[in-house]
């Protein structure tokens, strides 16, 4: 008769890309095996490394592809130690019963502060003045040097980061305008624009805060730059592929855009030892940073605590609250009973089949919870007695089952 789940000492955790040490500490405290890797892995390396891994943690550079998932026979969950999940094939994860968690809020403040700092620096033409001073050139001038107070800030994407930037910018005396494809309530005195073109024709500074979904690739085109006011400023601290970098370079060269700050790029080095190449290098009044919007001690520590907590709740208790691809369920542990989970394709009749198996084996259900998305269903069952191992085998054998697992 079964009493416990898979031994914790056999659960393997793989953490890539220098995630915060608190993450490894949290998993080791649970008795899991933990391996850390400093940089990202390419697909071939990942396919080899992921074979016996139960949980993998990544940041923005490692690509969790369908091919990699084909090699991950034991994988239960993926943790994205960042905001975005566009580096993860979410559909493939869902099809294979792999839950994905991210950190949607943990580095918001860090990104916003970088944006505020760059806006001030650009409007005062500090990048060029700094270079002049380091080369011995004293160029004291008020030409193209402005206060931010009273300037119009246009925010493209009014989510967690965009809305917080709105609040801080307004506190500094800026007039805030925003555009989002989703209806969003204005914070403070921000003004909603009905179209991207309207916002770009209004703003003195444009700051992008859109996500990395495939449909946003190439979102900010040469045409979009042509809609901006002459002498405006531009920031991209969102995603590299969303901007036509060549168009940005051309607008900086011809002076139509007076300055820009770019933290993300279409192609980025996988490690710090690889060279950075971009057509933006060497241009005037341009702040280039190596994807450090969320790279503060505070943000990384927050992420290092937040993501493991979600992963541990899933592995230990089956809770999926905060998952980006699974139905969200969060349930208290009953302690004295046993818990099983069942992940299946969302087709009619599965719950009836699950209950048939449980009834056939004379097991009493204390609690049963089902939640679905368009593609999958997720069931948590608490049962009040020891059960034959055949119960789990029969649950796995139900047609359209993706995974069935004993939690405790």
Protein backbone atom coordinates (compact mmCIF):
# COMPACT_ATOMS: atom_id res chain seq x y z
CA UNK A 1 0.00 0.00 0.00
CA UNK A 2 1.30 3.49 -0.90
CA UNK A 3 1.98 6.10 1.79
CA UNK A 4 4.46 8.62 0.41
CA UNK A 5 5.42 10.27 -2.83
CA UNK A 6 8.65 10.20 -4.78
CA UNK A 7 11.61 10.68 -2.36
CA UNK A 8 12.72 14.32 -2.18
CA UNK A 9 16.36 13.27 -2.19
CA UNK A 10 15.90 12.00 -5.76
CA UNK A 11 14.31 15.17 -7.12
CA UNK A 12 16.82 17.03 -9.31
CA UNK A 13 16.83 20.81 -9.69
CA UNK A 14 18.87 22.55 -12.42
CA UNK A 15 19.43 26.30 -12.06
CA UNK A 16 21.01 28.20 -14.96
CA UNK A 17 22.20 31.74 -15.66
CA UNK A 18 23.36 32.75 -12.18
CA UNK A 19 19.99 32.82 -10.50
CA UNK A 20 20.20 34.21 -6.97
CA UNK A 21 21.79 31.83 -4.38
CA UNK A 22 18.62 32.03 -2.29
CA UNK A 23 16.94 29.82 -4.89
CA UNK A 24 19.46 27.01 -4.47
CA UNK A 25 19.24 27.41 -0.68
CA UNK A 26 15.46 27.03 -0.76
CA UNK A 27 15.60 23.84 -2.81
CA UNK A 28 18.43 22.31 -0.78
CA UNK A 29 16.52 23.04 2.42
CA UNK A 30 13.77 20.78 1.04
CA UNK A 31 16.29 17.98 0.52
CA UNK A 32 16.39 18.21 -3.28
CA UNK A 33 19.49 17.69 -5.41
CA UNK A 34 20.57 21.06 -6.84
CA UNK A 35 22.96 21.81 -9.69
CA UNK A 36 23.82 25.36 -10.74
CA UNK A 37 25.30 26.56 -14.03
CA UNK A 38 26.65 30.11 -14.45
CA UNK A 39 25.64 30.81 -18.05
CA UNK A 40 22.90 29.87 -20.49
CA UNK A 41 22.87 26.60 -22.42
CA UNK A 42 22.24 26.21 -26.12
CA UNK A 43 19.66 23.69 -27.29
CA UNK A 44 22.08 20.79 -27.74
CA UNK A 45 23.62 21.33 -24.31
CA UNK A 46 20.20 21.68 -22.72
CA UNK A 47 18.87 18.51 -24.35
CA UNK A 48 21.70 16.57 -22.71
CA UNK A 49 21.51 18.30 -19.34
CA UNK A 50 17.75 18.18 -18.87
CA UNK A 51 17.22 14.43 -19.27
CA UNK A 52 16.85 13.55 -15.57
CA UNK A 53 15.82 16.98 -14.28
CA UNK A 54 12.53 17.47 -12.44
CA UNK A 55 12.61 21.28 -12.14
CA UNK A 56 14.64 23.77 -14.20
CA UNK A 57 15.22 27.43 -13.40
CA UNK A 58 16.31 29.89 -16.12
CA UNK A 59 16.49 33.60 -16.80
CA UNK A 60 16.07 35.25 -20.20
CA UNK A 61 18.71 33.61 -22.41
CA UNK A 62 18.07 29.87 -22.18
CA UNK A 63 15.43 28.71 -24.67
CA UNK A 64 13.08 25.98 -23.43
CA UNK A 65 12.12 24.62 -26.84
CA UNK A 66 9.87 21.74 -27.85
CA UNK A 67 12.99 19.80 -28.83
CA UNK A 68 14.50 20.30 -25.37
CA UNK A 69 11.23 19.22 -23.75
CA UNK A 70 11.26 15.99 -25.80
CA UNK A 71 14.43 15.07 -23.88
CA UNK A 72 13.00 16.09 -20.48
CA UNK A 73 11.20 12.90 -19.56
CA UNK A 74 10.97 13.72 -15.83
CA UNK A 75 10.37 17.46 -15.99
CA UNK A 76 7.53 18.74 -13.79
CA UNK A 77 8.05 22.49 -13.80
CA UNK A 78 10.00 25.42 -15.27
CA UNK A 79 10.82 28.53 -13.27
CA UNK A 80 11.53 31.75 -15.20
CA UNK A 81 13.55 33.93 -12.84
CA UNK A 82 12.42 37.05 -14.70
CA UNK A 83 9.22 38.66 -15.94
CA UNK A 84 9.06 37.34 -19.49
CA UNK A 85 8.33 33.79 -20.61
CA UNK A 86 8.75 34.25 -24.36
CA UNK A 87 11.95 32.14 -24.16
CA UNK A 88 9.76 29.19 -23.17
CA UNK A 89 7.54 27.19 -25.53
CA UNK A 90 4.47 27.42 -23.32
CA UNK A 91 2.27 25.36 -25.62
CA UNK A 92 4.75 22.49 -25.63
CA UNK A 93 5.08 22.71 -21.84
CA UNK A 94 1.31 22.54 -21.46
CA UNK A 95 1.01 19.58 -23.81
CA UNK A 96 3.63 17.71 -21.77
CA UNK A 97 2.15 18.60 -18.39
CA UNK A 98 4.98 20.93 -17.36
CA UNK A 99 3.88 23.90 -15.24
CA UNK A 100 5.64 27.23 -15.83
CA UNK A 101 6.07 29.97 -13.22
CA UNK A 102 7.64 33.41 -13.50
CA UNK A 103 8.23 36.56 -11.43
CA UNK A 104 5.84 39.15 -12.86
CA UNK A 105 6.35 41.80 -10.16
CA UNK A 106 9.69 41.22 -8.46
CA UNK A 107 11.87 43.50 -10.60
CA UNK A 108 9.27 46.12 -11.52
CA UNK A 109 10.72 48.85 -9.34
CA UNK A 110 14.26 48.25 -10.63
CA UNK A 111 13.22 48.64 -14.28
CA UNK A 112 11.20 51.76 -13.51
CA UNK A 113 14.08 53.41 -11.67
CA UNK A 114 16.43 52.71 -14.59
CA UNK A 115 13.91 54.28 -16.98
CA UNK A 116 13.59 57.39 -14.79
CA UNK A 117 17.37 57.71 -14.51
CA UNK A 118 17.88 57.36 -18.25
CA UNK A 119 15.18 59.92 -19.06
CA UNK A 120 16.93 62.49 -16.88
CA UNK A 121 20.38 61.64 -18.27
CA UNK A 122 19.24 61.81 -21.88
CA UNK A 123 17.41 65.10 -21.56
CA UNK A 124 20.53 66.63 -20.06
CA UNK A 125 22.70 65.08 -22.83
CA UNK A 126 24.85 63.40 -20.17
CA UNK A 127 26.10 60.46 -22.31
CA UNK A 128 27.90 62.82 -24.74
CA UNK A 129 29.07 65.20 -22.00
CA UNK A 130 30.51 62.27 -20.06
CA UNK A 131 32.49 61.08 -23.10
CA UNK A 132 33.77 64.62 -23.71
CA UNK A 133 35.02 64.97 -20.14
CA UNK A 134 36.83 61.62 -20.25
CA UNK A 135 38.63 62.74 -23.39
CA UNK A 136 39.60 66.09 -21.85
CA UNK A 137 36.99 68.20 -23.61
CA UNK A 138 35.21 70.90 -21.58
CA UNK A 139 31.91 71.58 -23.32
CA UNK A 140 29.71 73.59 -20.97
CA UNK A 141 26.50 74.37 -22.83
CA UNK A 142 22.73 74.41 -22.33
CA UNK A 143 22.08 73.35 -25.93
CA UNK A 144 19.66 70.39 -26.02
CA UNK A 145 19.63 70.25 -22.22
CA UNK A 146 16.19 70.15 -20.64
CA UNK A 147 14.34 69.60 -17.37
CA UNK A 148 11.93 66.68 -17.28
CA UNK A 149 9.32 68.77 -15.51
CA UNK A 150 6.51 69.64 -17.89
CA UNK A 151 7.66 67.21 -20.59
CA UNK A 152 5.22 64.72 -22.09
CA UNK A 153 6.11 61.07 -21.38
CA UNK A 154 4.45 58.52 -23.66
CA UNK A 155 4.29 54.99 -22.22
CA UNK A 156 3.62 52.17 -24.66
CA UNK A 157 2.33 49.24 -22.60
CA UNK A 158 0.55 50.12 -19.34
CA UNK A 159 1.16 46.95 -17.36
CA UNK A 160 3.01 46.54 -14.06
CA UNK A 161 6.09 48.46 -15.17
CA UNK A 162 4.41 51.02 -17.39
CA UNK A 163 1.86 51.98 -14.75
CA UNK A 164 4.46 52.35 -11.99
CA UNK A 165 6.63 54.46 -14.30
CA UNK A 166 3.53 56.59 -14.85
CA UNK A 167 3.22 57.29 -11.11
CA UNK A 168 6.89 58.19 -10.56
CA UNK A 169 7.10 60.32 -13.72
CA UNK A 170 4.02 62.30 -12.70
CA UNK A 171 5.55 62.84 -9.26
CA UNK A 172 8.48 64.55 -11.01
CA UNK A 173 6.13 66.89 -12.83
CA UNK A 174 5.86 65.10 -16.17
CA UNK A 175 2.63 64.90 -18.16
CA UNK A 176 1.97 61.20 -18.76
CA UNK A 177 0.24 59.65 -21.77
CA UNK A 178 -0.16 55.93 -22.35
CA UNK A 179 -1.31 53.44 -24.96
CA UNK A 180 -2.19 49.78 -24.44
CA UNK A 181 -4.10 47.30 -26.59
CA UNK A 182 -5.93 46.21 -23.42
CA UNK A 183 -8.29 48.60 -21.66
CA UNK A 184 -6.39 49.94 -18.62
CA UNK A 185 -7.52 52.40 -15.98
CA UNK A 186 -5.40 55.56 -15.86
CA UNK A 187 -3.44 56.14 -12.67
CA UNK A 188 -3.12 59.65 -11.30
CA UNK A 189 -3.58 62.21 -14.06
CA UNK A 190 -2.31 60.02 -16.92
CA UNK A 191 -4.09 60.40 -20.24
CA UNK A 192 -5.09 57.39 -22.34
CA UNK A 193 -4.36 57.59 -26.08
CA UNK A 194 -6.62 55.82 -28.54
CA UNK A 195 -3.81 54.76 -30.86
CA UNK A 196 -0.04 54.34 -30.98
CA UNK A 197 0.15 57.05 -33.64
CA UNK A 198 -1.65 59.51 -31.38
CA UNK A 199 0.74 58.83 -28.51
CA UNK A 200 3.87 59.09 -30.65
CA UNK A 201 2.75 62.39 -32.10
CA UNK A 202 2.20 63.78 -28.59
CA UNK A 203 5.13 62.53 -26.48
CA UNK A 204 8.49 64.22 -25.95
CA UNK A 205 9.85 60.93 -24.57
CA UNK A 206 8.59 57.48 -25.60
CA UNK A 207 9.22 54.50 -23.30
CA UNK A 208 8.37 50.95 -24.43
CA UNK A 209 7.02 48.45 -21.90
CA UNK A 210 5.39 45.75 -24.05
CA UNK A 211 5.90 42.02 -23.59
CA UNK A 212 7.77 39.59 -25.80
CA UNK A 213 4.88 37.64 -27.31
CA UNK A 214 5.60 36.57 -30.92
CA UNK A 215 3.07 39.04 -32.34
CA UNK A 216 5.12 41.90 -30.87
CA UNK A 217 8.22 41.04 -32.88
CA UNK A 218 9.08 44.07 -35.02
CA UNK A 219 6.24 45.99 -33.34
CA UNK A 220 8.06 49.34 -33.34
CA UNK A 221 8.82 49.89 -37.03
CA UNK A 222 10.50 52.59 -39.12
CA UNK A 223 7.01 53.96 -39.71
CA UNK A 224 6.45 54.22 -35.95
CA UNK A 225 9.66 56.25 -35.62
CA UNK A 226 8.36 58.56 -38.35
CA UNK A 227 5.27 59.25 -36.22
CA UNK A 228 7.40 60.53 -33.33
CA UNK A 229 7.92 64.25 -32.79
CA UNK A 230 11.09 65.76 -34.20
CA UNK A 231 13.63 65.98 -31.37
CA UNK A 232 11.96 63.34 -29.18
CA UNK A 233 13.69 60.71 -27.05
CA UNK A 234 13.22 56.94 -27.09
CA UNK A 235 13.65 54.14 -24.51
CA UNK A 236 13.41 50.38 -24.92
CA UNK A 237 13.75 48.54 -21.62
CA UNK A 238 11.18 45.92 -22.68
CA UNK A 239 12.20 43.28 -25.26
CA UNK A 240 14.88 43.41 -27.95
CA UNK A 241 12.95 41.95 -30.89
CA UNK A 242 10.08 44.46 -30.61
CA UNK A 243 12.12 47.33 -32.13
CA UNK A 244 13.56 47.83 -35.62
CA UNK A 245 17.08 48.57 -34.42
CA UNK A 246 18.31 49.75 -37.83
CA UNK A 247 15.51 52.31 -37.98
CA UNK A 248 16.41 53.54 -34.50
CA UNK A 249 20.07 53.86 -35.52
CA UNK A 250 19.13 55.85 -38.63
CA UNK A 251 16.93 58.24 -36.64
CA UNK A 252 19.72 58.82 -34.12
CA UNK A 253 22.25 59.45 -36.89
CA UNK A 254 20.12 62.02 -38.69
CA UNK A 255 19.25 63.77 -35.42
CA UNK A 256 15.52 63.29 -35.70
CA UNK A 257 15.67 61.50 -32.35
CA UNK A 258 17.85 63.43 -29.89
CA UNK A 259 18.66 60.52 -27.61
CA UNK A 260 17.83 56.96 -26.68
CA UNK A 261 18.29 54.35 -23.98
CA UNK A 262 18.36 50.68 -24.96
CA UNK A 263 18.70 47.80 -22.48
CA UNK A 264 17.51 44.89 -24.65
CA UNK A 265 18.56 43.70 -28.09
CA UNK A 266 17.33 41.28 -30.78
CA UNK A 267 20.46 39.18 -30.30
CA UNK A 268 22.29 39.15 -27.00
CA UNK A 269 25.47 37.36 -25.82
CA UNK A 270 24.74 34.19 -23.84
CA UNK A 271 27.53 34.91 -21.33
CA UNK A 272 29.62 37.88 -20.23
CA UNK A 273 32.63 36.50 -22.09
CA UNK A 274 30.97 36.81 -25.51
CA UNK A 275 31.30 40.08 -27.47
CA UNK A 276 28.36 42.45 -27.95
CA UNK A 277 27.64 43.49 -31.54
CA UNK A 278 25.06 46.07 -32.61
CA UNK A 279 24.56 48.80 -35.18
CA UNK A 280 23.79 51.10 -32.23
CA UNK A 281 27.34 51.10 -30.92
CA UNK A 282 29.16 54.44 -31.09
CA UNK A 283 26.13 56.67 -31.70
CA UNK A 284 25.65 60.00 -29.96
CA UNK A 285 23.51 60.55 -26.85
CA UNK A 286 22.76 56.86 -26.57
CA UNK A 287 22.78 54.86 -23.34
CA UNK A 288 23.43 51.16 -23.98
CA UNK A 289 23.13 48.73 -21.07
CA UNK A 290 23.50 44.91 -21.08
CA UNK A 291 19.92 43.86 -20.22
CA UNK A 292 20.22 45.01 -16.60
CA UNK A 293 16.76 46.52 -16.10
CA UNK A 294 16.01 43.98 -13.38
CA UNK A 295 19.61 43.38 -12.36
CA UNK A 296 19.66 44.93 -8.91
CA UNK A 297 20.50 43.17 -5.67
CA UNK A 298 16.98 43.81 -4.40
CA UNK A 299 15.22 42.53 -7.53
CA UNK A 300 17.33 39.40 -7.86
CA UNK A 301 16.87 38.55 -4.20
CA UNK A 302 13.11 39.04 -4.53
CA UNK A 303 13.03 36.82 -7.60
CA UNK A 304 15.29 34.26 -5.90
CA UNK A 305 12.71 33.93 -3.15
CA UNK A 306 9.47 34.31 -5.13
CA UNK A 307 9.97 31.80 -7.96
CA UNK A 308 11.23 28.92 -5.75
CA UNK A 309 8.28 29.45 -3.41
CA UNK A 310 5.88 28.91 -6.33
CA UNK A 311 7.81 25.90 -7.60
CA UNK A 312 7.93 24.31 -4.14
CA UNK A 313 4.21 24.85 -3.64
CA UNK A 314 3.62 23.05 -6.92
CA UNK A 315 6.02 20.16 -6.34
CA UNK A 316 5.01 19.60 -2.71
CA UNK A 317 1.31 20.45 -2.70
CA UNK A 318 0.18 20.69 -6.32
CA UNK A 319 -0.69 24.38 -6.03
CA UNK A 320 -0.54 26.12 -9.41
CA UNK A 321 -1.47 29.66 -8.37
CA UNK A 322 0.72 32.01 -10.42
CA UNK A 323 1.41 29.52 -13.22
CA UNK A 324 1.37 31.13 -16.65
CA UNK A 325 0.17 28.01 -18.49
CA UNK A 326 -1.79 25.86 -15.99
CA UNK A 327 -5.23 26.39 -14.44
CA UNK A 328 -4.65 28.23 -11.16
CA UNK A 329 -5.49 26.21 -8.04
CA UNK A 330 -4.27 26.92 -4.51
CA UNK A 331 -5.38 24.57 -1.75
CA UNK A 332 -4.37 24.04 1.90
CA UNK A 333 -2.65 20.81 2.84
CA UNK A 334 -4.83 18.47 4.87
CA UNK A 335 -1.75 16.79 6.31
CA UNK A 336 -3.11 13.42 7.41
CA UNK A 337 -4.55 12.43 4.03
CA UNK A 338 -2.94 11.62 0.69
CA UNK A 339 -2.92 13.89 -2.35
CA UNK A 340 -2.79 12.95 -6.02
CA UNK A 341 -2.84 15.15 -9.10
CA UNK A 342 -4.06 14.39 -12.59
CA UNK A 343 -3.23 16.49 -15.67
CA UNK A 344 -5.19 15.73 -18.82
CA UNK A 345 -6.38 17.11 -22.12
CA UNK A 346 -9.53 19.12 -21.69
CA UNK A 347 -12.04 16.68 -23.19
CA UNK A 348 -15.40 15.55 -21.75
CA UNK A 349 -15.63 12.60 -19.38
CA UNK A 350 -12.19 12.62 -17.76
CA UNK A 351 -13.43 13.43 -14.25
CA UNK A 352 -15.96 10.60 -14.49
CA UNK A 353 -13.16 8.21 -15.45
CA UNK A 354 -11.02 9.40 -12.55
CA UNK A 355 -13.89 8.82 -10.12
CA UNK A 356 -14.54 5.39 -11.63
CA UNK A 357 -10.94 4.38 -10.90
CA UNK A 358 -11.12 5.71 -7.35
CA UNK A 359 -14.44 4.00 -6.67
CA UNK A 360 -13.30 0.71 -8.17
CA UNK A 361 -10.38 0.64 -5.74
CA UNK A 362 -12.64 1.42 -2.77
CA UNK A 363 -10.92 4.72 -1.95
CA UNK A 364 -12.82 7.59 -0.34
CA UNK A 365 -12.31 11.12 -1.70
CA UNK A 366 -11.97 13.78 1.01
CA UNK A 367 -11.64 16.65 -1.45
CA UNK A 368 -11.53 16.92 -5.22
CA UNK A 369 -10.85 20.02 -7.25
CA UNK A 370 -10.92 20.47 -11.03
CA UNK A 371 -10.01 23.53 -13.05
CA UNK A 372 -9.53 23.78 -16.79
CA UNK A 373 -8.14 25.97 -19.53
CA UNK A 374 -8.95 25.63 -23.22
CA UNK A 375 -6.37 22.88 -23.62
CA UNK A 376 -5.90 21.07 -20.30
CA UNK A 377 -7.67 20.07 -17.12
CA UNK A 378 -6.01 19.91 -13.71
CA UNK A 379 -7.36 17.80 -10.86
CA UNK A 380 -6.19 17.64 -7.25
CA UNK A 381 -7.60 14.83 -5.11
CA UNK A 382 -7.24 14.29 -1.38
CA UNK A 383 -8.04 10.75 -0.24
CA UNK A 384 -8.38 9.52 3.35
CA UNK A 385 -6.65 6.14 3.40
CA UNK A 386 -3.77 4.13 2.08
CA UNK A 387 -4.29 3.03 -1.49
CA UNK A 388 -2.98 0.37 -3.82
CA UNK A 389 -0.24 1.53 -6.16
CA UNK A 390 -2.37 0.26 -9.00
CA UNK A 391 -4.63 3.30 -8.47
CA UNK A 392 -1.98 5.63 -9.87
CA UNK A 393 -1.22 3.26 -12.76
CA UNK A 394 -4.91 3.17 -13.63
CA UNK A 395 -5.14 6.95 -13.45
CA UNK A 396 -2.21 7.20 -15.84
CA UNK A 397 -3.93 4.76 -18.20
CA UNK A 398 -7.07 6.90 -18.58
CA UNK A 399 -7.25 8.08 -22.22
CA UNK A 400 -6.09 11.71 -22.76
CA UNK A 401 -4.07 11.67 -19.53
CA UNK A 402 -0.90 13.77 -19.70
CA UNK A 403 0.49 13.08 -16.23
CA UNK A 404 -0.64 11.62 -12.91
CA UNK A 405 1.44 12.03 -9.79
CA UNK A 406 1.42 11.16 -6.07
CA UNK A 407 2.24 14.20 -3.95
CA UNK A 408 2.14 12.63 -0.48
